[in-house]
Amino acid sequence: MPHIPNCLPLHPCPPNPPTPSPDCAVFLCINADRLEAAGMQEVNASGSLAALEQRDPGAAAAPPPRDHRMPLTSHTFARVADTWGYSSFVPLATLRRAERTYLAHDRLLLRAEVCVERVVPVT
């Protein structure tokens, strides 16, 4: 498997959203210049995102944590398509529910699972 430049920063919201949204948006992006410098024109990948419930280890017994998962999708990262994600990842109301601990110390813990399926070399 070729080395993929590990420049996949998570962004909690898309830049300059056109209108306020009641949802949290999450996107992955890859640096297209680094992709091409590594000899790759495109990277086909599949992946999923999950918001993880965070529990205080010393807290009293509580229901098992539930992660908010989005289904597995596919995307081709390239210069013209360098981002992938969800503009409506999870409703903000869900994040703020007292009985769910998605936000801990004003932080949202996300898990991104990305599987590279095919690499198209620069021709």
PDB file of N, CA and C in Angstrom:
ATOM      1  N   MET A   1       0.848  -1.169   0.000  1.00  0.00           N
ATOM      2  CA  MET A   1       0.000   0.000   0.000  1.00  0.00           C
ATOM      3  C   MET A   1       0.898   1.239   0.000  1.00  0.00           C
ATOM      4  N   PRO A   2       0.697   2.192  -0.905  1.00  0.00           N
ATOM      5  CA  PRO A   2       1.535   3.387  -0.946  1.00  0.00           C
ATOM      6  C   PRO A   2       1.299   4.260   0.270  1.00  0.00           C
ATOM      7  N   HIS A   3       2.308   5.060   0.594  1.00  0.00           N
ATOM      8  CA  HIS A   3       2.186   6.010   1.701  1.00  0.00           C
ATOM      9  C   HIS A   3       1.303   7.168   1.257  1.00  0.00           C
ATOM     10  N   ILE A   4       0.268   7.455   2.027  1.00  0.00           N
ATOM     11  CA  ILE A   4      -0.615   8.578   1.755  1.00  0.00           C
ATOM     12  C   ILE A   4      -0.178   9.726   2.659  1.00  0.00           C
ATOM     13  N   PRO A   5       0.013  10.918   2.108  1.00  0.00           N
ATOM     14  CA  PRO A   5       0.378  12.042   2.977  1.00  0.00           C
ATOM     15  C   PRO A   5      -0.654  12.180   4.090  1.00  0.00           C
ATOM     16  N   ASN A   6      -0.159  12.216   5.332  1.00  0.00           N
ATOM     17  CA  ASN A   6      -1.099  12.219   6.454  1.00  0.00           C
ATOM     18  C   ASN A   6      -1.529  13.639   6.797  1.00  0.00           C
ATOM     19  N   CYS A   7      -2.067  14.301   5.833  1.00  0.00           N
ATOM     20  CA  CYS A   7      -2.587  15.648   6.028  1.00  0.00           C
ATOM     21  C   CYS A   7      -4.102  15.581   5.895  1.00  0.00           C
ATOM     22  N   LEU A   8      -4.741  15.028   6.902  1.00  0.00           N
ATOM     23  CA  LEU A   8      -6.193  14.918   6.908  1.00  0.00           C
ATOM     24  C   LEU A   8      -6.745  15.669   8.114  1.00  0.00           C
ATOM     25  N   PRO A   9      -6.600  16.988   8.155  1.00  0.00           N
ATOM     26  CA  PRO A   9      -7.094  17.714   9.331  1.00  0.00           C
ATOM     27  C   PRO A   9      -8.617  17.717   9.371  1.00  0.00           C
ATOM     28  N   LEU A  10      -9.156  17.537  10.555  1.00  0.00           N
ATOM     29  CA  LEU A  10     -10.601  17.597  10.738  1.00  0.00           C
ATOM     30  C   LEU A  10     -11.016  19.045  10.969  1.00  0.00           C
ATOM     31  N   HIS A  11     -12.074  19.432  10.318  1.00  0.00           N
ATOM     32  CA  HIS A  11     -12.625  20.768  10.503  1.00  0.00           C
ATOM     33  C   HIS A  11     -14.014  20.631  11.107  1.00  0.00           C
ATOM     34  N   PRO A  12     -14.298  21.295  12.232  1.00  0.00           N
ATOM     35  CA  PRO A  12     -15.607  21.135  12.857  1.00  0.00           C
ATOM     36  C   PRO A  12     -16.750  21.762  12.070  1.00  0.00           C
ATOM     37  N   CYS A  13     -16.462  22.707  11.204  1.00  0.00           N
ATOM     38  CA  CYS A  13     -17.498  23.341  10.386  1.00  0.00           C
ATOM     39  C   CYS A  13     -16.896  23.695   9.034  1.00  0.00           C
ATOM     40  N   PRO A  14     -17.718  23.700   7.988  1.00  0.00           N
ATOM     41  CA  PRO A  14     -17.177  24.130   6.704  1.00  0.00           C
ATOM     42  C   PRO A  14     -16.836  25.610   6.774  1.00  0.00           C
ATOM     43  N   PRO A  15     -15.845  26.061   6.018  1.00  0.00           N
ATOM     44  CA  PRO A  15     -15.511  27.480   6.051  1.00  0.00           C
ATOM     45  C   PRO A  15     -16.655  28.326   5.511  1.00  0.00           C
ATOM     46  N   ASN A  16     -16.919  29.402   6.182  1.00  0.00           N
ATOM     47  CA  ASN A  16     -17.963  30.352   5.774  1.00  0.00           C
ATOM     48  C   ASN A  16     -19.277  29.666   5.412  1.00  0.00           C
ATOM     49  N   PRO A  17     -19.949  29.025   6.349  1.00  0.00           N
ATOM     50  CA  PRO A  17     -21.221  28.396   5.990  1.00  0.00           C
ATOM     51  C   PRO A  17     -22.193  29.448   5.462  1.00  0.00           C
ATOM     52  N   PRO A  18     -22.950  29.105   4.414  1.00  0.00           N
ATOM     53  CA  PRO A  18     -23.836  30.098   3.800  1.00  0.00           C
ATOM     54  C   PRO A  18     -24.947  30.568   4.730  1.00  0.00           C
ATOM     55  N   THR A  19     -25.457  29.675   5.571  1.00  0.00           N
ATOM     56  CA  THR A  19     -26.501  30.053   6.527  1.00  0.00           C
ATOM     57  C   THR A  19     -26.245  29.314   7.825  1.00  0.00           C
ATOM     58  N   PRO A  20     -26.692  29.900   8.933  1.00  0.00           N
ATOM     59  CA  PRO A  20     -26.536  29.174  10.196  1.00  0.00           C
ATOM     60  C   PRO A  20     -27.277  27.839  10.117  1.00  0.00           C
ATOM     61  N   SER A  21     -26.700  26.848  10.762  1.00  0.00           N
ATOM     62  CA  SER A  21     -27.270  25.507  10.692  1.00  0.00           C
ATOM     63  C   SER A  21     -27.507  24.964  12.094  1.00  0.00           C
ATOM     64  N   PRO A  22     -28.549  24.167  12.294  1.00  0.00           N
ATOM     65  CA  PRO A  22     -28.758  23.528  13.590  1.00  0.00           C
ATOM     66  C   PRO A  22     -27.911  22.265  13.755  1.00  0.00           C
ATOM     67  N   ASP A  23     -27.019  22.008  12.798  1.00  0.00           N
ATOM     68  CA  ASP A  23     -26.206  20.795  12.818  1.00  0.00           C
ATOM     69  C   ASP A  23     -24.721  21.129  12.885  1.00  0.00           C
ATOM     70  N   CYS A  24     -23.959  20.185  13.410  1.00  0.00           N
ATOM     71  CA  CYS A  24     -22.502  20.266  13.404  1.00  0.00           C
ATOM     72  C   CYS A  24     -22.020  19.626  12.100  1.00  0.00           C
ATOM     73  N   ALA A  25     -21.139  20.311  11.406  1.00  0.00           N
ATOM     74  CA  ALA A  25     -20.579  19.793  10.153  1.00  0.00           C
ATOM     75  C   ALA A  25     -19.148  19.330  10.406  1.00  0.00           C
ATOM     76  N   VAL A  26     -18.759  18.240   9.758  1.00  0.00           N
ATOM     77  CA  VAL A  26     -17.400  17.704   9.895  1.00  0.00           C
ATOM     78  C   VAL A  26     -16.893  17.310   8.517  1.00  0.00           C
ATOM     79  N   PHE A  27     -15.662  17.730   8.220  1.00  0.00           N
ATOM     80  CA  PHE A  27     -15.059  17.425   6.928  1.00  0.00           C
ATOM     81  C   PHE A  27     -13.624  16.974   7.102  1.00  0.00           C
ATOM     82  N   LEU A  28     -13.196  16.066   6.238  1.00  0.00           N
ATOM     83  CA  LEU A  28     -11.794  15.690   6.102  1.00  0.00           C
ATOM     84  C   LEU A  28     -11.277  16.326   4.819  1.00  0.00           C
ATOM     85  N   CYS A  29     -10.034  16.751   4.836  1.00  0.00           N
ATOM     86  CA  CYS A  29      -9.454  17.240   3.587  1.00  0.00           C
ATOM     87  C   CYS A  29      -8.026  16.730   3.479  1.00  0.00           C
ATOM     88  N   ILE A  30      -7.587  16.639   2.243  1.00  0.00           N
ATOM     89  CA  ILE A  30      -6.209  16.202   1.989  1.00  0.00           C
ATOM     90  C   ILE A  30      -5.510  17.312   1.211  1.00  0.00           C
ATOM     91  N   ASN A  31      -4.248  17.517   1.480  1.00  0.00           N
ATOM     92  CA  ASN A  31      -3.471  18.540   0.806  1.00  0.00           C
ATOM     93  C   ASN A  31      -3.108  18.030  -0.591  1.00  0.00           C
ATOM     94  N   ALA A  32      -3.738  18.620  -1.619  1.00  0.00           N
ATOM     95  CA  ALA A  32      -3.549  18.136  -2.991  1.00  0.00           C
ATOM     96  C   ALA A  32      -2.111  18.303  -3.465  1.00  0.00           C
ATOM     97  N   ASP A  33      -1.409  19.345  -3.020  1.00  0.00           N
ATOM     98  CA  ASP A  33      -0.012  19.528  -3.423  1.00  0.00           C
ATOM     99  C   ASP A  33       0.857  18.389  -2.895  1.00  0.00           C
ATOM    100  N   ARG A  34       0.629  17.988  -1.652  1.00  0.00           N
ATOM    101  CA  ARG A  34       1.404  16.875  -1.075  1.00  0.00           C
ATOM    102  C   ARG A  34       1.042  15.556  -1.734  1.00  0.00           C
ATOM    103  N   LEU A  35      -0.225  15.417  -2.108  1.00  0.00           N
ATOM    104  CA  LEU A  35      -0.675  14.210  -2.808  1.00  0.00           C
ATOM    105  C   LEU A  35       0.085  14.069  -4.127  1.00  0.00           C
ATOM    106  N   GLU A  36       0.128  15.150  -4.909  1.00  0.00           N
ATOM    107  CA  GLU A  36       0.819  15.111  -6.201  1.00  0.00           C
ATOM    108  C   GLU A  36       2.324  14.978  -6.032  1.00  0.00           C
ATOM    109  N   ALA A  37       2.881  15.606  -4.999  1.00  0.00           N
ATOM    110  CA  ALA A  37       4.318  15.490  -4.745  1.00  0.00           C
ATOM    111  C   ALA A  37       4.704  14.048  -4.428  1.00  0.00           C
ATOM    112  N   ALA A  38       3.774  13.289  -3.875  1.00  0.00           N
ATOM    113  CA  ALA A  38       4.020  11.878  -3.567  1.00  0.00           C
ATOM    114  C   ALA A  38       3.742  10.986  -4.775  1.00  0.00           C
ATOM    115  N   GLY A  39       3.438  11.614  -5.942  1.00  0.00           N
ATOM    116  CA  GLY A  39       3.239  10.845  -7.166  1.00  0.00           C
ATOM    117  C   GLY A  39       1.828  10.324  -7.359  1.00  0.00           C
ATOM    118  N   MET A  40       0.888  10.891  -6.630  1.00  0.00           N
ATOM    119  CA  MET A  40      -0.493  10.430  -6.722  1.00  0.00           C
ATOM    120  C   MET A  40      -1.391  11.524  -7.285  1.00  0.00           C
ATOM    121  N   GLN A  41      -2.200  11.145  -8.244  1.00  0.00           N
ATOM    122  CA  GLN A  41      -3.151  12.078  -8.840  1.00  0.00           C
ATOM    123  C   GLN A  41      -4.483  12.022  -8.098  1.00  0.00           C
ATOM    124  N   GLU A  42      -4.901  10.824  -7.740  1.00  0.00           N
ATOM    125  CA  GLU A  42      -6.159  10.601  -7.026  1.00  0.00           C
ATOM    126  C   GLU A  42      -5.975   9.483  -6.014  1.00  0.00           C
ATOM    127  N   VAL A  43      -6.768   9.541  -4.963  1.00  0.00           N
ATOM    128  CA  VAL A  43      -6.836   8.465  -3.979  1.00  0.00           C
ATOM    129  C   VAL A  43      -8.307   8.152  -3.770  1.00  0.00           C
ATOM    130  N   ASN A  44      -8.703   6.934  -4.114  1.00  0.00           N
ATOM    131  CA  ASN A  44     -10.072   6.489  -3.855  1.00  0.00           C
ATOM    132  C   ASN A  44     -10.083   5.852  -2.475  1.00  0.00           C
ATOM    133  N   ALA A  45     -11.006   6.301  -1.639  1.00  0.00           N
ATOM    134  CA  ALA A  45     -11.063   5.800  -0.276  1.00  0.00           C
ATOM    135  C   ALA A  45     -12.508   5.665   0.175  1.00  0.00           C
ATOM    136  N   SER A  46     -12.705   4.821   1.166  1.00  0.00           N
ATOM    137  CA  SER A  46     -14.004   4.745   1.820  1.00  0.00           C
ATOM    138  C   SER A  46     -13.763   5.040   3.290  1.00  0.00           C
ATOM    139  N   GLY A  47     -14.785   5.537   3.940  1.00  0.00           N
ATOM    140  CA  GLY A  47     -14.586   5.871   5.336  1.00  0.00           C
ATOM    141  C   GLY A  47     -15.872   6.192   6.052  1.00  0.00           C
ATOM    142  N   SER A  48     -15.736   6.329   7.347  1.00  0.00           N
ATOM    143  CA  SER A  48     -16.872   6.704   8.183  1.00  0.00           C
ATOM    144  C   SER A  48     -16.378   7.622   9.293  1.00  0.00           C
ATOM    145  N   LEU A  49     -17.305   8.366   9.838  1.00  0.00           N
ATOM    146  CA  LEU A  49     -17.013   9.277  10.947  1.00  0.00           C
ATOM    147  C   LEU A  49     -17.937   8.932  12.105  1.00  0.00           C
ATOM    148  N   ALA A  50     -17.427   9.103  13.322  1.00  0.00           N
ATOM    149  CA  ALA A  50     -18.235   8.875  14.510  1.00  0.00           C
ATOM    150  C   ALA A  50     -17.900   9.926  15.557  1.00  0.00           C
ATOM    151  N   ALA A  51     -18.924  10.459  16.214  1.00  0.00           N
ATOM    152  CA  ALA A  51     -18.756  11.295  17.404  1.00  0.00           C
ATOM    153  C   ALA A  51     -18.827  10.337  18.583  1.00  0.00           C
ATOM    154  N   LEU A  52     -17.834  10.388  19.448  1.00  0.00           N
ATOM    155  CA  LEU A  52     -17.732   9.420  20.537  1.00  0.00           C
ATOM    156  C   LEU A  52     -18.247  10.015  21.836  1.00  0.00           C
ATOM    157  N   GLU A  53     -19.054   9.245  22.543  1.00  0.00           N
ATOM    158  CA  GLU A  53     -19.477   9.673  23.870  1.00  0.00           C
ATOM    159  C   GLU A  53     -18.293   9.563  24.807  1.00  0.00           C
ATOM    160  N   GLN A  54     -18.132  10.551  25.662  1.00  0.00           N
ATOM    161  CA  GLN A  54     -17.004  10.589  26.587  1.00  0.00           C
ATOM    162  C   GLN A  54     -17.552  10.435  28.002  1.00  0.00           C
ATOM    163  N   ARG A  55     -16.994   9.524  28.737  1.00  0.00           N
ATOM    164  CA  ARG A  55     -17.450   9.265  30.102  1.00  0.00           C
ATOM    165  C   ARG A  55     -16.322   9.520  31.082  1.00  0.00           C
ATOM    166  N   ASP A  56     -16.677  10.040  32.222  1.00  0.00           N
ATOM    167  CA  ASP A  56     -15.733  10.215  33.311  1.00  0.00           C
ATOM    168  C   ASP A  56     -15.494   8.837  33.920  1.00  0.00           C
ATOM    169  N   PRO A  57     -14.234   8.361  33.946  1.00  0.00           N
ATOM    170  CA  PRO A  57     -13.976   7.010  34.465  1.00  0.00           C
ATOM    171  C   PRO A  57     -14.438   6.814  35.906  1.00  0.00           C
ATOM    172  N   GLY A  58     -14.506   7.897  36.686  1.00  0.00           N
ATOM    173  CA  GLY A  58     -14.917   7.770  38.089  1.00  0.00           C
ATOM    174  C   GLY A  58     -16.402   7.974  38.296  1.00  0.00           C
ATOM    175  N   ALA A  59     -17.163   8.171  37.233  1.00  0.00           N
ATOM    176  CA  ALA A  59     -18.594   8.429  37.360  1.00  0.00           C
ATOM    177  C   ALA A  59     -19.341   7.168  37.768  1.00  0.00           C
ATOM    178  N   ALA A  60     -20.503   7.398  38.366  1.00  0.00           N
ATOM    179  CA  ALA A  60     -21.360   6.273  38.761  1.00  0.00           C
ATOM    180  C   ALA A  60     -21.795   5.503  37.518  1.00  0.00           C
ATOM    181  N   ALA A  61     -22.306   4.306  37.747  1.00  0.00           N
ATOM    182  CA  ALA A  61     -22.754   3.459  36.636  1.00  0.00           C
ATOM    183  C   ALA A  61     -23.750   4.215  35.763  1.00  0.00           C
ATOM    184  N   ALA A  62     -23.593   4.082  34.486  1.00  0.00           N
ATOM    185  CA  ALA A  62     -24.456   4.754  33.519  1.00  0.00           C
ATOM    186  C   ALA A  62     -24.677   3.799  32.365  1.00  0.00           C
ATOM    187  N   PRO A  63     -25.660   4.114  31.503  1.00  0.00           N
ATOM    188  CA  PRO A  63     -25.854   3.254  30.330  1.00  0.00           C
ATOM    189  C   PRO A  63     -24.575   3.207  29.502  1.00  0.00           C
ATOM    190  N   PRO A  64     -24.359   2.135  28.758  1.00  0.00           N
ATOM    191  CA  PRO A  64     -23.154   2.059  27.931  1.00  0.00           C
ATOM    192  C   PRO A  64     -23.106   3.224  26.949  1.00  0.00           C
ATOM    193  N   PRO A  65     -21.907   3.713  26.636  1.00  0.00           N
ATOM    194  CA  PRO A  65     -21.796   4.842  25.705  1.00  0.00           C
ATOM    195  C   PRO A  65     -22.344   4.487  24.333  1.00  0.00           C
ATOM    196  N   ARG A  66     -22.921   5.474  23.686  1.00  0.00           N
ATOM    197  CA  ARG A  66     -23.403   5.313  22.314  1.00  0.00           C
ATOM    198  C   ARG A  66     -22.658   6.309  21.446  1.00  0.00           C
ATOM    199  N   ASP A  67     -22.107   5.836  20.385  1.00  0.00           N
ATOM    200  CA  ASP A  67     -21.430   6.707  19.432  1.00  0.00           C
ATOM    201  C   ASP A  67     -22.432   7.121  18.371  1.00  0.00           C
ATOM    202  N   HIS A  68     -22.293   8.334  17.895  1.00  0.00           N
ATOM    203  CA  HIS A  68     -23.118   8.809  16.781  1.00  0.00           C
ATOM    204  C   HIS A  68     -22.316   8.542  15.514  1.00  0.00           C
ATOM    205  N   ARG A  69     -22.720   7.555  14.725  1.00  0.00           N
ATOM    206  CA  ARG A  69     -21.966   7.144  13.537  1.00  0.00           C
ATOM    207  C   ARG A  69     -22.701   7.530  12.273  1.00  0.00           C
ATOM    208  N   MET A  70     -21.909   7.886  11.288  1.00  0.00           N
ATOM    209  CA  MET A  70     -22.432   8.108   9.951  1.00  0.00           C
ATOM    210  C   MET A  70     -22.021   6.903   9.114  1.00  0.00           C
ATOM    211  N   PRO A  71     -22.836   6.527   8.135  1.00  0.00           N
ATOM    212  CA  PRO A  71     -22.547   5.315   7.362  1.00  0.00           C
ATOM    213  C   PRO A  71     -21.280   5.446   6.518  1.00  0.00           C
ATOM    214  N   LEU A  72     -20.773   4.284   6.154  1.00  0.00           N
ATOM    215  CA  LEU A  72     -19.597   4.193   5.299  1.00  0.00           C
ATOM    216  C   LEU A  72     -19.918   4.776   3.926  1.00  0.00           C
ATOM    217  N   THR A  73     -19.053   5.645   3.455  1.00  0.00           N
ATOM    218  CA  THR A  73     -19.213   6.219   2.122  1.00  0.00           C
ATOM    219  C   THR A  73     -17.878   6.163   1.403  1.00  0.00           C
ATOM    220  N   SER A  74     -17.903   6.401   0.102  1.00  0.00           N
ATOM    221  CA  SER A  74     -16.684   6.421  -0.708  1.00  0.00           C
ATOM    222  C   SER A  74     -16.442   7.815  -1.241  1.00  0.00           C
ATOM    223  N   HIS A  75     -15.176   8.126  -1.469  1.00  0.00           N
ATOM    224  CA  HIS A  75     -14.807   9.434  -2.005  1.00  0.00           C
ATOM    225  C   HIS A  75     -13.488   9.293  -2.757  1.00  0.00           C
ATOM    226  N   THR A  76     -13.327  10.108  -3.785  1.00  0.00           N
ATOM    227  CA  THR A  76     -12.057  10.199  -4.501  1.00  0.00           C
ATOM    228  C   THR A  76     -11.435  11.543  -4.178  1.00  0.00           C
ATOM    229  N   PHE A  77     -10.313  11.514  -3.438  1.00  0.00           N
ATOM    230  CA  PHE A  77      -9.574  12.728  -3.136  1.00  0.00           C
ATOM    231  C   PHE A  77      -8.705  13.081  -4.341  1.00  0.00           C
ATOM    232  N   ALA A  78      -8.775  14.320  -4.783  1.00  0.00           N
ATOM    233  CA  ALA A  78      -7.953  14.826  -5.887  1.00  0.00           C
ATOM    234  C   ALA A  78      -7.897  16.342  -5.752  1.00  0.00           C
ATOM    235  N   ARG A  79      -7.181  16.988  -6.651  1.00  0.00           N
ATOM    236  CA  ARG A  79      -7.065  18.444  -6.577  1.00  0.00           C
ATOM    237  C   ARG A  79      -8.430  19.125  -6.617  1.00  0.00           C
ATOM    238  N   VAL A  80      -9.344  18.635  -7.449  1.00  0.00           N
ATOM    239  CA  VAL A  80     -10.651  19.282  -7.570  1.00  0.00           C
ATOM    240  C   VAL A  80     -11.655  18.776  -6.539  1.00  0.00           C
ATOM    241  N   ALA A  81     -11.317  17.757  -5.798  1.00  0.00           N
ATOM    242  CA  ALA A  81     -12.225  17.193  -4.787  1.00  0.00           C
ATOM    243  C   ALA A  81     -11.409  16.805  -3.562  1.00  0.00           C
ATOM    244  N   ASP A  82     -10.886  17.806  -2.853  1.00  0.00           N
ATOM    245  CA  ASP A  82      -9.963  17.520  -1.756  1.00  0.00           C
ATOM    246  C   ASP A  82     -10.643  17.427  -0.393  1.00  0.00           C
ATOM    247  N   THR A  83     -11.976  17.554  -0.339  1.00  0.00           N
ATOM    248  CA  THR A  83     -12.666  17.430   0.937  1.00  0.00           C
ATOM    249  C   THR A  83     -13.768  16.382   0.853  1.00  0.00           C
ATOM    250  N   TRP A  84     -14.078  15.804   1.998  1.00  0.00           N
ATOM    251  CA  TRP A  84     -15.158  14.825   2.122  1.00  0.00           C
ATOM    252  C   TRP A  84     -15.724  14.956   3.519  1.00  0.00           C
ATOM    253  N   GLY A  85     -17.017  14.881   3.633  1.00  0.00           N
ATOM    254  CA  GLY A  85     -17.597  14.957   4.967  1.00  0.00           C
ATOM    255  C   GLY A  85     -19.088  15.149   4.915  1.00  0.00           C
ATOM    256  N   TYR A  86     -19.595  15.674   6.000  1.00  0.00           N
ATOM    257  CA  TYR A  86     -21.030  15.824   6.191  1.00  0.00           C
ATOM    258  C   TYR A  86     -21.340  17.253   6.623  1.00  0.00           C
ATOM    259  N   SER A  87     -22.205  17.921   5.881  1.00  0.00           N
ATOM    260  CA  SER A  87     -22.624  19.255   6.296  1.00  0.00           C
ATOM    261  C   SER A  87     -23.634  19.165   7.434  1.00  0.00           C
ATOM    262  N   SER A  88     -24.272  18.021   7.578  1.00  0.00           N
ATOM    263  CA  SER A  88     -25.208  17.766   8.679  1.00  0.00           C
ATOM    264  C   SER A  88     -24.783  16.489   9.387  1.00  0.00           C
ATOM    265  N   PHE A  89     -23.656  16.555  10.078  1.00  0.00           N
ATOM    266  CA  PHE A  89     -23.093  15.368  10.719  1.00  0.00           C
ATOM    267  C   PHE A  89     -23.927  14.919  11.915  1.00  0.00           C
ATOM    268  N   VAL A  90     -24.200  15.839  12.825  1.00  0.00           N
ATOM    269  CA  VAL A  90     -24.997  15.533  14.013  1.00  0.00           C
ATOM    270  C   VAL A  90     -25.705  16.816  14.444  1.00  0.00           C
ATOM    271  N   PRO A  91     -26.984  16.724  14.817  1.00  0.00           N
ATOM    272  CA  PRO A  91     -27.680  17.920  15.296  1.00  0.00           C
ATOM    273  C   PRO A  91     -27.010  18.479  16.557  1.00  0.00           C
ATOM    274  N   LEU A  92     -26.884  19.790  16.620  1.00  0.00           N
ATOM    275  CA  LEU A  92     -26.284  20.411  17.801  1.00  0.00           C
ATOM    276  C   LEU A  92     -27.090  20.073  19.055  1.00  0.00           C
ATOM    277  N   ALA A  93     -28.400  19.932  18.911  1.00  0.00           N
ATOM    278  CA  ALA A  93     -29.242  19.566  20.060  1.00  0.00           C
ATOM    279  C   ALA A  93     -28.832  18.208  20.623  1.00  0.00           C
ATOM    280  N   THR A  94     -28.444  17.268  19.769  1.00  0.00           N
ATOM    281  CA  THR A  94     -27.987  15.952  20.226  1.00  0.00           C
ATOM    282  C   THR A  94     -26.690  16.088  21.009  1.00  0.00           C
ATOM    283  N   LEU A  95     -25.776  16.930  20.516  1.00  0.00           N
ATOM    284  CA  LEU A  95     -24.507  17.127  21.212  1.00  0.00           C
ATOM    285  C   LEU A  95     -24.706  17.730  22.594  1.00  0.00           C
ATOM    286  N   ARG A  96     -25.725  18.544  22.735  1.00  0.00           N
ATOM    287  CA  ARG A  96     -25.940  19.282  23.996  1.00  0.00           C
ATOM    288  C   ARG A  96     -26.818  18.543  24.998  1.00  0.00           C
ATOM    289  N   ARG A  97     -27.355  17.393  24.652  1.00  0.00           N
ATOM    290  CA  ARG A  97     -28.221  16.656  25.585  1.00  0.00           C
ATOM    291  C   ARG A  97     -27.465  16.295  26.855  1.00  0.00           C
ATOM    292  N   ALA A  98     -28.081  16.544  27.980  1.00  0.00           N
ATOM    293  CA  ALA A  98     -27.436  16.285  29.271  1.00  0.00           C
ATOM    294  C   ALA A  98     -27.177  14.801  29.494  1.00  0.00           C
ATOM    295  N   GLU A  99     -28.081  13.940  28.997  1.00  0.00           N
ATOM    296  CA  GLU A  99     -27.920  12.503  29.249  1.00  0.00           C
ATOM    297  C   GLU A  99     -26.868  11.861  28.350  1.00  0.00           C
ATOM    298  N   ARG A 100     -26.395  12.579  27.362  1.00  0.00           N
ATOM    299  CA  ARG A 100     -25.345  12.095  26.475  1.00  0.00           C
ATOM    300  C   ARG A 100     -24.123  12.985  26.646  1.00  0.00           C
ATOM    301  N   THR A 101     -22.947  12.399  26.696  1.00  0.00           N
ATOM    302  CA  THR A 101     -21.734  13.177  26.979  1.00  0.00           C
ATOM    303  C   THR A 101     -20.825  13.230  25.757  1.00  0.00           C
ATOM    304  N   TYR A 102     -21.363  13.775  24.684  1.00  0.00           N
ATOM    305  CA  TYR A 102     -20.529  13.954  23.492  1.00  0.00           C
ATOM    306  C   TYR A 102     -19.544  15.096  23.694  1.00  0.00           C
ATOM    307  N   LEU A 103     -19.959  16.119  24.421  1.00  0.00           N
ATOM    308  CA  LEU A 103     -19.087  17.262  24.693  1.00  0.00           C
ATOM    309  C   LEU A 103     -18.532  17.135  26.098  1.00  0.00           C
ATOM    310  N   ALA A 104     -17.214  17.136  26.229  1.00  0.00           N
ATOM    311  CA  ALA A 104     -16.555  17.096  27.528  1.00  0.00           C
ATOM    312  C   ALA A 104     -15.501  18.195  27.521  1.00  0.00           C
ATOM    313  N   HIS A 105     -15.617  19.100  28.453  1.00  0.00           N
ATOM    314  CA  HIS A 105     -14.688  20.232  28.528  1.00  0.00           C
ATOM    315  C   HIS A 105     -14.656  20.990  27.198  1.00  0.00           C
ATOM    316  N   ASP A 106     -15.858  21.176  26.617  1.00  0.00           N
ATOM    317  CA  ASP A 106     -16.023  21.904  25.347  1.00  0.00           C
ATOM    318  C   ASP A 106     -15.288  21.245  24.179  1.00  0.00           C
ATOM    319  N   ARG A 107     -15.097  19.947  24.236  1.00  0.00           N
ATOM    320  CA  ARG A 107     -14.432  19.220  23.154  1.00  0.00           C
ATOM    321  C   ARG A 107     -15.308  18.094  22.658  1.00  0.00           C
ATOM    322  N   LEU A 108     -15.282  17.889  21.366  1.00  0.00           N
ATOM    323  CA  LEU A 108     -15.995  16.791  20.717  1.00  0.00           C
ATOM    324  C   LEU A 108     -14.944  15.823  20.199  1.00  0.00           C
ATOM    325  N   LEU A 109     -15.034  14.581  20.610  1.00  0.00           N
ATOM    326  CA  LEU A 109     -14.075  13.562  20.194  1.00  0.00           C
ATOM    327  C   LEU A 109     -14.635  12.833  18.983  1.00  0.00           C
ATOM    328  N   LEU A 110     -13.881  12.849  17.889  1.00  0.00           N
ATOM    329  CA  LEU A 110     -14.302  12.217  16.641  1.00  0.00           C
ATOM    330  C   LEU A 110     -13.364  11.081  16.286  1.00  0.00           C
ATOM    331  N   ARG A 111     -13.930  10.070  15.649  1.00  0.00           N
ATOM    332  CA  ARG A 111     -13.107   8.993  15.106  1.00  0.00           C
ATOM    333  C   ARG A 111     -13.368   8.945  13.605  1.00  0.00           C
ATOM    334  N   ALA A 112     -12.303   9.011  12.839  1.00  0.00           N
ATOM    335  CA  ALA A 112     -12.398   8.897  11.383  1.00  0.00           C
ATOM    336  C   ALA A 112     -11.703   7.609  10.979  1.00  0.00           C
ATOM    337  N   GLU A 113     -12.412   6.781  10.239  1.00  0.00           N
ATOM    338  CA  GLU A 113     -11.833   5.549   9.716  1.00  0.00           C
ATOM    339  C   GLU A 113     -11.833   5.663   8.203  1.00  0.00           C
ATOM    340  N   VAL A 114     -10.637   5.660   7.622  1.00  0.00           N
ATOM    341  CA  VAL A 114     -10.496   5.814   6.171  1.00  0.00           C
ATOM    342  C   VAL A 114      -9.679   4.645   5.646  1.00  0.00           C
ATOM    343  N   CYS A 115     -10.198   3.985   4.628  1.00  0.00           N
ATOM    344  CA  CYS A 115      -9.528   2.842   4.009  1.00  0.00           C
ATOM    345  C   CYS A 115      -9.229   3.201   2.553  1.00  0.00           C
ATOM    346  N   VAL A 116      -7.957   3.218   2.196  1.00  0.00           N
ATOM    347  CA  VAL A 116      -7.567   3.500   0.822  1.00  0.00           C
ATOM    348  C   VAL A 116      -7.871   2.278  -0.023  1.00  0.00           C
ATOM    349  N   GLU A 117      -8.627   2.496  -1.092  1.00  0.00           N
ATOM    350  CA  GLU A 117      -9.018   1.390  -1.966  1.00  0.00           C
ATOM    351  C   GLU A 117      -8.221   1.355  -3.260  1.00  0.00           C
ATOM    352  N   ARG A 118      -7.853   2.541  -3.762  1.00  0.00           N
ATOM    353  CA  ARG A 118      -7.117   2.584  -5.028  1.00  0.00           C
ATOM    354  C   ARG A 118      -6.381   3.909  -5.131  1.00  0.00           C
ATOM    355  N   VAL A 119      -5.180   3.861  -5.672  1.00  0.00           N
ATOM    356  CA  VAL A 119      -4.377   5.062  -5.912  1.00  0.00           C
ATOM    357  C   VAL A 119      -4.154   5.193  -7.408  1.00  0.00           C
ATOM    358  N   VAL A 120      -4.403   6.376  -7.958  1.00  0.00           N
ATOM    359  CA  VAL A 120      -4.142   6.653  -9.365  1.00  0.00           C
ATOM    360  C   VAL A 120      -2.857   7.480  -9.433  1.00  0.00           C
ATOM    361  N   PRO A 121      -1.784   6.944 -10.021  1.00  0.00           N
ATOM    362  CA  PRO A 121      -0.529   7.691 -10.076  1.00  0.00           C
ATOM    363  C   PRO A 121      -0.623   8.864 -11.067  1.00  0.00           C
ATOM    364  N   VAL A 122       0.237   9.852 -10.823  1.00  0.00           N
ATOM    365  CA  VAL A 122       0.350  10.989 -11.738  1.00  0.00           C
ATOM    366  C   VAL A 122       0.875  10.465 -13.065  1.00  0.00           C
ATOM    367  N   THR A 123       0.253  10.865 -14.165  1.00  0.00           N
ATOM    368  CA  THR A 123       0.711  10.374 -15.477  1.00  0.00           C
ATOM    369  C   THR A 123       1.502  11.421 -16.209  1.00  0.00           C
TER     370      THR A 123
END
